[in-house]
Amino acid sequence: MLPPAEQSLVDRDPDLPGLRLLLDSERLTHWLTSLLGRPVTARRRHLRYKPGKSCVLHVDASGQALLVAATAPSEAAKHAKTLERSAGSIIGTAPDLQILVGTPAADRDLPGVALLTDADRRPLLLHRLLRTGAQVDPDAEPTLLRYKPHRRWVGLLPTYSGDHIVLRVQRPAASRAAAAALAALVAGEPRTPRLIGFYERRGVLAAEYLRGNSAQSAPAEVLEPVGRALAALHRRSCPALLEQPLSAEARKVRAAAGQLGALLPELADRAADLAGLITARLTTLPEVRVPVHGDFSADQAVIGPDGRPGLIDLDSAGLGDPAADLGCAQATMIQDVVLGRLTDTEQQHRLAMLHAGYVAGGGPADADRVPVHRAAHLLRLTAEPFRLGQTADWAGAADALLTEAETAVADLAGVRA
């Protein structure tokens, strides 16, 4: 039996007959066990849901990464094309529900994955990608790090020298932007991954792997040098980076409100009202143009063996408001409290250390602008518990994050625009 929130989604979306199976972890586990011929436990890693059209999952089936996709009858042509083009990567189907199961190589939006995971085709792709870069064993299978269906695949490949390189597959436009950001930021502080190779046609890039430990799981004191590193990024001059106007963040806020309303109609009015307040505030702020990470949080920083911090995952880097990076960091820490990963005291201590390092490093962010960005990012995070399967009570977590965003906006009452 589905939980109430999932059952509500199924009831409201009769055009997607496979949705019930994909949202029922127990049924999905049983079905995949039968399909794979071995006992597995299905764990959702990432979900993309378009009401009335499709639901696509990255599922960890006891260590095996799977793409599980359900499409509506109206999308039958796309479904058939995927089956035709990715036949070698398809593990099974449920024709009556228009569901397919395959490896990530079946992802029609990320064709580079099929090349990287095919032992016969990988050598040629790596030759094109790494003409002047690291020497790797083309017979080595990349280790999957992250996979967002139809958006991004990230793997790790060992080199002959004992190091690793990061392989990223995205849609060509996104891959091109990511490659440009890495190229623009490589010289100077803070430490960022070096671009090793880029093959635009397949949306594949290779980048240096920054060895170290994630600041996300490190002691709070580690966030002080991370704050300094973020300040150093904000103080740089990188005119080659793309601009990130505040109007773009406003669009993302409105989109997030719409997504939340589609998932939880009872929150739709609150989300829409809050989005209106946030976007009105964002669009009245004067524009600032400095290098920014664009999606900054503690898990986007690594502490190297020498203790030196580095920044990673720079897909969203650009020229924008430095207060947005601090607001994003605050929002993700608040999310960790909501999900039970941090206590309020731990969150406050970690945030204080990050800010202490940022101020000591001469970071230029205007403190008065941070709260509106915190509210914006909190609203943008409301659907994450559902998409990432972070908690069984994802509806409660979404409500709590929305409440935190409302509180952040209320706190703006005494702050000048």
Protein backbone atom coordinates (compact mmCIF):
# COMPACT_ATOMS: atom_id res chain seq x y z
CA MET A 1 0.00 0.00 0.00
CA LEU A 2 1.37 3.38 -1.01
CA PRO A 3 1.82 6.16 1.57
CA PRO A 4 -0.77 8.95 1.29
CA ALA A 5 1.48 11.42 -0.55
CA GLU A 6 2.49 8.86 -3.19
CA GLN A 7 -1.08 7.60 -3.52
CA SER A 8 -2.24 11.16 -4.12
CA LEU A 9 0.26 11.54 -6.95
CA VAL A 10 -0.89 8.31 -8.57
CA ASP A 11 -4.56 9.27 -8.23
CA ARG A 12 -3.94 12.63 -9.87
CA ASP A 13 -1.91 11.21 -12.76
CA PRO A 14 -3.92 8.48 -14.52
CA ASP A 15 -2.06 9.24 -17.77
CA LEU A 16 1.08 7.62 -16.33
CA PRO A 17 0.14 4.00 -15.58
CA GLY A 18 3.66 3.00 -14.50
CA LEU A 19 3.89 5.66 -11.80
CA ARG A 20 2.44 3.43 -9.07
CA LEU A 21 5.17 0.82 -9.52
CA LEU A 22 7.99 3.33 -9.57
CA LEU A 23 6.80 5.04 -6.39
CA ASP A 24 6.27 1.79 -4.47
CA SER A 25 9.74 0.73 -3.28
CA GLU A 26 8.56 -2.66 -2.06
CA ARG A 27 6.80 -3.57 -5.32
CA LEU A 28 9.70 -2.18 -7.35
CA THR A 29 12.13 -4.31 -5.34
CA HIS A 30 10.08 -7.46 -5.97
CA TRP A 31 9.75 -6.69 -9.68
CA LEU A 32 13.46 -5.97 -10.15
CA THR A 33 14.36 -9.11 -8.18
CA SER A 34 12.31 -11.16 -10.61
CA LEU A 35 13.67 -9.28 -13.63
CA LEU A 36 17.33 -9.57 -12.62
CA GLY A 37 17.06 -13.12 -11.34
CA ARG A 38 18.70 -12.33 -8.00
CA PRO A 39 17.60 -10.80 -4.69
CA VAL A 40 17.97 -7.01 -4.70
CA THR A 41 16.85 -4.04 -2.68
CA ALA A 42 15.79 -1.07 -4.79
CA ARG A 43 16.90 2.31 -3.44
CA ARG A 44 15.98 5.55 -5.16
CA ARG A 45 19.00 7.74 -5.89
CA HIS A 46 17.39 10.31 -8.16
CA LEU A 47 13.95 10.82 -9.66
CA ARG A 48 12.71 13.05 -12.48
CA TYR A 49 8.95 13.41 -12.71
CA LYS A 50 6.94 15.22 -15.37
CA PRO A 51 3.24 14.89 -14.54
CA GLY A 52 1.29 13.21 -17.32
CA LYS A 53 4.45 12.46 -19.31
CA SER A 54 7.18 10.50 -17.53
CA CYS A 55 8.84 9.35 -14.35
CA VAL A 56 12.51 8.35 -14.58
CA LEU A 57 14.57 6.86 -11.77
CA HIS A 58 18.17 6.14 -11.03
CA VAL A 59 17.83 3.07 -8.84
CA ASP A 60 20.56 1.36 -6.87
CA ALA A 61 19.63 -2.32 -7.07
CA SER A 62 21.97 -3.72 -4.41
CA GLY A 63 25.01 -2.12 -6.00
CA GLN A 64 23.88 -2.11 -9.64
CA ALA A 65 22.92 1.25 -11.12
CA LEU A 66 19.72 1.07 -13.15
CA LEU A 67 17.69 3.47 -15.25
CA VAL A 68 13.98 2.78 -14.70
CA ALA A 69 11.66 4.84 -16.88
CA ALA A 70 7.87 4.98 -17.12
CA THR A 71 6.25 7.01 -19.88
CA ALA A 72 2.69 7.93 -20.75
CA PRO A 73 0.93 6.44 -23.79
CA SER A 74 1.22 9.86 -25.42
CA GLU A 75 5.01 9.41 -25.29
CA ALA A 76 4.91 6.02 -27.02
CA ALA A 77 7.05 7.18 -29.95
CA LYS A 78 9.87 8.34 -27.64
CA HIS A 79 9.59 5.13 -25.64
CA ALA A 80 9.89 3.03 -28.79
CA LYS A 81 12.86 5.07 -30.00
CA THR A 82 14.68 4.51 -26.71
CA LEU A 83 14.04 0.78 -26.93
CA GLU A 84 15.34 0.74 -30.51
CA ARG A 85 18.46 2.85 -29.97
CA SER A 86 19.44 1.32 -26.62
CA ALA A 87 18.53 -2.32 -27.22
CA GLY A 88 21.87 -3.60 -25.91
CA SER A 89 21.44 -1.70 -22.64
CA ILE A 90 17.83 -2.68 -21.94
CA ILE A 91 17.43 -5.33 -19.25
CA GLY A 92 13.66 -5.70 -19.36
CA THR A 93 10.30 -4.03 -19.89
CA ALA A 94 6.73 -3.96 -18.64
CA PRO A 95 4.89 -3.24 -21.92
CA ASP A 96 1.46 -2.86 -20.32
CA LEU A 97 2.83 -0.06 -18.10
CA GLN A 98 5.25 1.31 -20.73
CA ILE A 99 8.20 0.84 -18.38
CA LEU A 100 11.74 0.00 -19.36
CA VAL A 101 14.71 -0.98 -17.22
CA GLY A 102 18.26 -0.63 -18.40
CA THR A 103 21.74 0.42 -17.40
CA PRO A 104 22.58 4.15 -17.53
CA ALA A 105 23.90 3.45 -21.04
CA ALA A 106 20.23 3.38 -22.12
CA ASP A 107 19.88 7.10 -21.31
CA ARG A 108 19.04 8.63 -24.71
CA ASP A 109 19.87 12.16 -23.50
CA LEU A 110 23.40 11.18 -22.43
CA PRO A 111 24.76 9.12 -25.34
CA GLY A 112 28.32 9.51 -24.06
CA VAL A 113 27.53 7.11 -21.21
CA ALA A 114 27.00 4.23 -23.64
CA LEU A 115 30.42 4.89 -25.15
CA LEU A 116 32.22 5.11 -21.81
CA THR A 117 30.65 1.94 -20.45
CA ASP A 118 31.18 -0.15 -23.61
CA ALA A 119 34.56 -1.91 -23.52
CA ASP A 120 34.74 -1.97 -27.33
CA ARG A 121 33.91 1.70 -27.91
CA ARG A 122 35.55 3.26 -24.84
CA PRO A 123 39.15 3.30 -26.23
CA LEU A 124 38.25 5.48 -29.21
CA LEU A 125 36.28 7.92 -27.09
CA LEU A 126 39.11 8.21 -24.56
CA HIS A 127 41.59 8.77 -27.40
CA ARG A 128 39.49 11.68 -28.68
CA LEU A 129 38.94 13.02 -25.20
CA LEU A 130 42.47 12.74 -23.79
CA ARG A 131 44.73 13.66 -26.70
CA THR A 132 47.10 15.62 -24.45
CA GLY A 133 45.83 14.54 -21.04
CA ALA A 134 46.28 11.72 -18.56
CA GLN A 135 47.21 8.25 -19.73
CA VAL A 136 44.51 5.80 -18.72
CA ASP A 137 43.81 2.12 -19.13
CA PRO A 138 41.04 1.97 -21.75
CA ASP A 139 40.08 -1.48 -20.47
CA ALA A 140 39.29 -0.12 -17.00
CA GLU A 141 35.57 0.27 -16.28
CA PRO A 142 34.72 3.75 -14.89
CA THR A 143 33.38 3.75 -11.35
CA LEU A 144 30.04 5.53 -11.10
CA LEU A 145 29.99 8.46 -8.68
CA ARG A 146 26.69 10.20 -9.48
CA TYR A 147 23.90 9.83 -11.98
CA LYS A 148 20.94 12.12 -12.62
CA PRO A 149 18.90 10.59 -15.45
CA HIS A 150 18.78 12.74 -18.60
CA ARG A 151 20.99 15.34 -16.91
CA ARG A 152 24.39 14.16 -15.69
CA TRP A 153 26.56 11.09 -15.26
CA VAL A 154 29.84 11.27 -13.32
CA GLY A 155 32.42 8.51 -13.16
CA LEU A 156 35.98 7.97 -11.95
CA LEU A 157 38.71 6.37 -14.07
CA PRO A 158 42.18 5.36 -12.82
CA THR A 159 45.33 6.50 -14.62
CA TYR A 160 48.55 4.56 -15.11
CA SER A 161 50.26 6.89 -12.62
CA GLY A 162 47.96 5.82 -9.82
CA ASP A 163 45.81 8.95 -9.87
CA HIS A 164 42.27 9.29 -11.23
CA ILE A 165 40.39 11.49 -13.62
CA VAL A 166 36.74 12.49 -13.38
CA LEU A 167 34.57 11.80 -16.42
CA ARG A 168 31.38 13.81 -16.78
CA VAL A 169 28.65 13.30 -19.35
CA GLN A 170 25.98 15.95 -19.83
CA ARG A 171 23.91 17.35 -22.62
CA PRO A 172 26.26 19.14 -25.04
CA ALA A 173 25.28 22.69 -24.02
CA ALA A 174 25.65 21.95 -20.31
CA SER A 175 28.93 20.13 -20.89
CA ARG A 176 30.25 23.05 -22.92
CA ALA A 177 29.40 25.49 -20.10
CA ALA A 178 31.03 23.23 -17.49
CA ALA A 179 34.20 22.90 -19.57
CA ALA A 180 34.38 26.67 -20.04
CA ALA A 181 34.01 27.25 -16.30
CA LEU A 182 36.81 24.83 -15.44
CA ALA A 183 39.09 26.39 -18.05
CA ALA A 184 38.38 29.91 -16.74
CA LEU A 185 39.00 29.08 -13.08
CA VAL A 186 42.02 26.79 -13.22
CA ALA A 187 44.70 29.46 -12.63
CA GLY A 188 44.81 31.03 -9.18
CA GLU A 189 43.00 30.49 -5.91
CA PRO A 190 41.07 28.61 -4.74
CA ARG A 191 42.17 25.22 -6.02
CA THR A 192 39.75 23.90 -8.65
CA PRO A 193 39.90 20.85 -10.96
CA ARG A 194 41.95 21.20 -14.14
CA LEU A 195 40.16 20.53 -17.42
CA ILE A 196 41.91 17.59 -19.10
CA GLY A 197 39.77 16.98 -22.14
CA PHE A 198 36.46 17.87 -23.77
CA TYR A 199 34.51 16.10 -26.52
CA GLU A 200 31.58 18.38 -27.26
CA ARG A 201 29.77 16.16 -29.74
CA ARG A 202 29.10 13.55 -27.05
CA GLY A 203 28.91 15.97 -24.14
CA VAL A 204 31.87 14.35 -22.37
CA LEU A 205 34.58 16.12 -20.41
CA ALA A 206 37.50 14.87 -18.34
CA ALA A 207 38.74 16.77 -15.32
CA GLU A 208 41.33 16.42 -12.62
CA TYR A 209 40.25 14.46 -9.56
CA LEU A 210 40.96 16.51 -6.44
CA ARG A 211 42.05 14.01 -3.80
CA GLY A 212 40.83 14.64 -0.28
CA ASN A 213 37.92 14.38 2.10
CA SER A 214 34.58 16.10 1.71
CA ALA A 215 34.06 19.09 4.00
CA GLN A 216 30.48 17.87 4.43
CA SER A 217 31.57 15.13 6.85
CA ALA A 218 34.58 16.95 8.32
CA PRO A 219 34.68 18.67 11.73
CA ALA A 220 33.18 22.14 11.87
CA GLU A 221 36.62 23.77 12.18
CA VAL A 222 37.43 22.64 8.64
CA LEU A 223 34.81 25.05 7.34
CA GLU A 224 36.95 28.03 8.34
CA PRO A 225 39.52 27.44 5.54
CA VAL A 226 36.64 26.51 3.23
CA GLY A 227 35.17 29.96 3.90
CA ARG A 228 38.53 31.48 3.00
CA ALA A 229 38.56 29.51 -0.24
CA LEU A 230 35.08 30.74 -1.13
CA ALA A 231 36.16 34.32 -0.39
CA ALA A 232 39.16 33.85 -2.69
CA LEU A 233 36.84 32.71 -5.48
CA HIS A 234 34.63 35.76 -5.00
CA ARG A 235 37.64 38.09 -5.13
CA ARG A 236 38.94 36.76 -8.43
CA SER A 237 38.57 38.29 -11.87
CA CYS A 238 37.26 35.78 -14.45
CA PRO A 239 35.54 37.73 -17.22
CA ALA A 240 35.24 34.56 -19.33
CA LEU A 241 32.58 33.13 -17.00
CA LEU A 242 28.95 33.40 -18.05
CA GLU A 243 26.77 35.95 -16.28
CA GLN A 244 24.18 34.72 -13.79
CA PRO A 245 21.66 37.56 -13.43
CA LEU A 246 19.30 37.65 -10.48
CA SER A 247 16.42 37.24 -12.90
CA ALA A 248 17.70 33.72 -13.63
CA GLU A 249 17.53 32.82 -9.95
CA ALA A 250 14.04 34.29 -9.82
CA ARG A 251 12.96 31.96 -12.65
CA LYS A 252 14.33 28.97 -10.75
CA VAL A 253 12.41 30.04 -7.65
CA ARG A 254 9.14 30.24 -9.59
CA ALA A 255 9.83 26.86 -11.20
CA ALA A 256 10.49 25.30 -7.79
CA ALA A 257 7.19 26.65 -6.47
CA GLY A 258 5.41 25.12 -9.43
CA GLN A 259 7.11 21.75 -8.86
CA LEU A 260 6.16 21.74 -5.20
CA GLY A 261 2.57 22.61 -6.03
CA ALA A 262 2.40 19.71 -8.49
CA LEU A 263 3.73 17.28 -5.87
CA LEU A 264 1.75 18.60 -2.91
CA PRO A 265 -1.29 20.67 -3.99
CA GLU A 266 -2.03 21.61 -0.39
CA LEU A 267 1.23 23.62 -0.39
CA ALA A 268 0.70 25.22 -3.81
CA ASP A 269 -0.72 28.55 -2.61
CA ARG A 270 1.92 28.99 0.08
CA ALA A 271 4.69 28.17 -2.38
CA ALA A 272 3.34 30.52 -5.06
CA ASP A 273 2.89 33.39 -2.59
CA LEU A 274 6.37 32.88 -1.21
CA ALA A 275 7.89 32.70 -4.69
CA GLY A 276 6.26 36.02 -5.48
CA LEU A 277 7.79 37.66 -2.41
CA ILE A 278 11.23 36.22 -3.08
CA THR A 279 11.33 37.07 -6.77
CA ALA A 280 10.12 40.60 -6.09
CA ARG A 281 12.97 41.02 -3.65
CA LEU A 282 15.56 39.46 -5.96
CA THR A 283 14.62 41.57 -8.95
CA THR A 284 14.95 44.82 -6.97
CA LEU A 285 18.50 44.09 -5.82
CA PRO A 286 21.31 45.80 -7.76
CA GLU A 287 23.23 43.30 -9.88
CA VAL A 288 26.68 42.16 -8.69
CA ARG A 289 29.15 40.44 -10.99
CA VAL A 290 31.89 38.39 -9.32
CA PRO A 291 32.93 34.73 -9.84
CA VAL A 292 30.56 32.47 -7.90
CA HIS A 293 30.27 28.72 -7.46
CA GLY A 294 26.55 28.80 -8.25
CA ASP A 295 25.59 25.77 -6.15
CA PHE A 296 27.80 26.02 -3.09
CA SER A 297 27.57 23.83 -0.01
CA ALA A 298 30.00 21.98 2.21
CA ASP A 299 29.90 18.89 0.00
CA GLN A 300 31.25 21.00 -2.87
CA ALA A 301 34.56 21.44 -1.04
CA VAL A 302 37.29 18.87 -0.46
CA ILE A 303 40.19 19.06 1.97
CA GLY A 304 43.36 17.75 0.37
CA PRO A 305 46.04 15.66 2.08
CA ASP A 306 47.97 18.89 2.66
CA GLY A 307 44.97 20.49 4.40
CA ARG A 308 44.36 22.84 1.51
CA PRO A 309 40.70 23.18 0.49
CA GLY A 310 39.51 22.93 -3.09
CA LEU A 311 36.16 23.58 -4.75
CA ILE A 312 34.53 20.99 -7.03
CA ASP A 313 31.36 20.52 -9.11
CA LEU A 314 31.61 23.88 -10.83
CA ASP A 315 28.91 23.21 -13.44
CA SER A 316 26.96 26.27 -12.31
CA ALA A 317 29.91 28.64 -11.88
CA GLY A 318 29.47 32.09 -13.35
CA LEU A 319 29.47 35.81 -12.65
CA GLY A 320 26.84 36.66 -10.09
CA ASP A 321 25.99 37.69 -6.54
CA PRO A 322 28.45 36.27 -3.97
CA ALA A 323 25.68 36.40 -1.36
CA ALA A 324 23.94 33.63 -3.33
CA ASP A 325 26.73 31.16 -2.50
CA LEU A 326 26.43 31.94 1.21
CA GLY A 327 22.64 31.72 1.07
CA CYS A 328 22.89 28.35 -0.66
CA ALA A 329 25.32 27.06 1.98
CA GLN A 330 22.96 28.15 4.76
CA ALA A 331 19.95 26.56 3.05
CA THR A 332 21.67 23.19 2.66
CA MET A 333 22.69 23.20 6.33
CA ILE A 334 19.10 23.96 7.33
CA GLN A 335 18.01 21.07 5.09
CA ASP A 336 20.42 18.81 7.00
CA VAL A 337 18.71 19.84 10.24
CA VAL A 338 15.27 19.12 8.77
CA LEU A 339 16.47 15.67 7.64
CA GLY A 340 18.03 14.92 11.02
CA ARG A 341 21.63 14.96 9.82
CA LEU A 342 22.62 17.93 11.99
CA THR A 343 21.35 19.42 15.22
CA ASP A 344 20.55 23.13 15.39
CA THR A 345 23.66 23.65 17.53
CA GLU A 346 25.88 21.81 15.04
CA GLN A 347 24.42 23.75 12.15
CA GLN A 348 25.01 27.09 13.86
CA HIS A 349 28.60 26.16 14.75
CA ARG A 350 29.40 25.02 11.22
CA LEU A 351 27.85 28.12 9.73
CA ALA A 352 29.77 30.36 12.14
CA MET A 353 33.06 28.74 11.13
CA LEU A 354 32.27 29.14 7.42
CA HIS A 355 31.42 32.80 7.89
CA ALA A 356 34.48 33.44 10.06
CA GLY A 357 36.72 32.11 7.31
CA TYR A 358 34.84 34.05 4.64
CA VAL A 359 35.18 37.34 6.50
CA ALA A 360 38.84 36.67 7.33
CA GLY A 361 39.44 35.97 3.63
CA GLY A 362 37.98 39.33 2.63
CA GLY A 363 34.85 37.93 1.02
CA PRO A 364 32.84 40.71 -0.69
CA ALA A 365 29.29 39.38 -0.12
CA ASP A 366 26.84 41.90 1.34
CA ALA A 367 25.42 40.31 4.50
CA ASP A 368 22.09 42.08 3.96
CA ARG A 369 21.61 40.21 0.69
CA VAL A 370 22.23 36.72 2.10
CA PRO A 371 18.78 36.16 3.70
CA VAL A 372 16.85 36.57 0.44
CA HIS A 373 19.17 34.07 -1.24
CA ARG A 374 18.75 31.71 1.71
CA ALA A 375 14.98 31.89 1.27
CA ALA A 376 15.32 31.35 -2.49
CA HIS A 377 17.46 28.25 -2.07
CA LEU A 378 15.26 26.83 0.67
CA LEU A 379 12.27 27.02 -1.66
CA ARG A 380 14.34 25.44 -4.43
CA LEU A 381 15.21 22.56 -2.08
CA THR A 382 11.64 21.67 -1.15
CA ALA A 383 11.30 18.93 -3.78
CA GLU A 384 14.71 17.38 -3.05
CA PRO A 385 13.50 14.95 -0.36
CA PHE A 386 11.09 13.49 -2.94
CA ARG A 387 13.53 13.46 -5.87
CA LEU A 388 16.40 11.93 -3.93
CA GLY A 389 14.42 9.58 -1.70
CA GLN A 390 16.03 11.22 1.34
CA THR A 391 13.23 10.36 3.77
CA ALA A 392 10.02 8.35 3.79
CA ASP A 393 8.20 11.44 5.05
CA TRP A 394 9.25 13.59 2.11
CA ALA A 395 6.01 15.55 2.26
CA GLY A 396 6.71 16.54 5.86
CA ALA A 397 10.27 17.51 4.97
CA ALA A 398 9.04 19.63 2.05
CA ASP A 399 6.58 21.41 4.35
CA ALA A 400 9.33 22.03 6.91
CA LEU A 401 11.67 23.48 4.29
CA LEU A 402 8.87 25.70 2.98
CA THR A 403 8.27 26.92 6.54
CA GLU A 404 11.98 27.70 6.92
CA ALA A 405 11.86 29.68 3.67
CA GLU A 406 8.82 31.60 4.93
CA THR A 407 10.70 32.39 8.13
CA ALA A 408 13.69 33.63 6.13
CA VAL A 409 11.43 35.98 4.16
CA ALA A 410 9.79 37.22 7.35
CA ASP A 411 13.25 38.02 8.69
CA LEU A 412 13.75 40.33 5.72
CA ALA A 413 11.17 42.76 7.04
CA GLY A 414 13.81 44.82 8.80
CA VAL A 415 16.46 44.51 6.10
CA ARG A 416 16.85 47.23 3.52
CA ALA A 417 16.16 46.31 -0.11
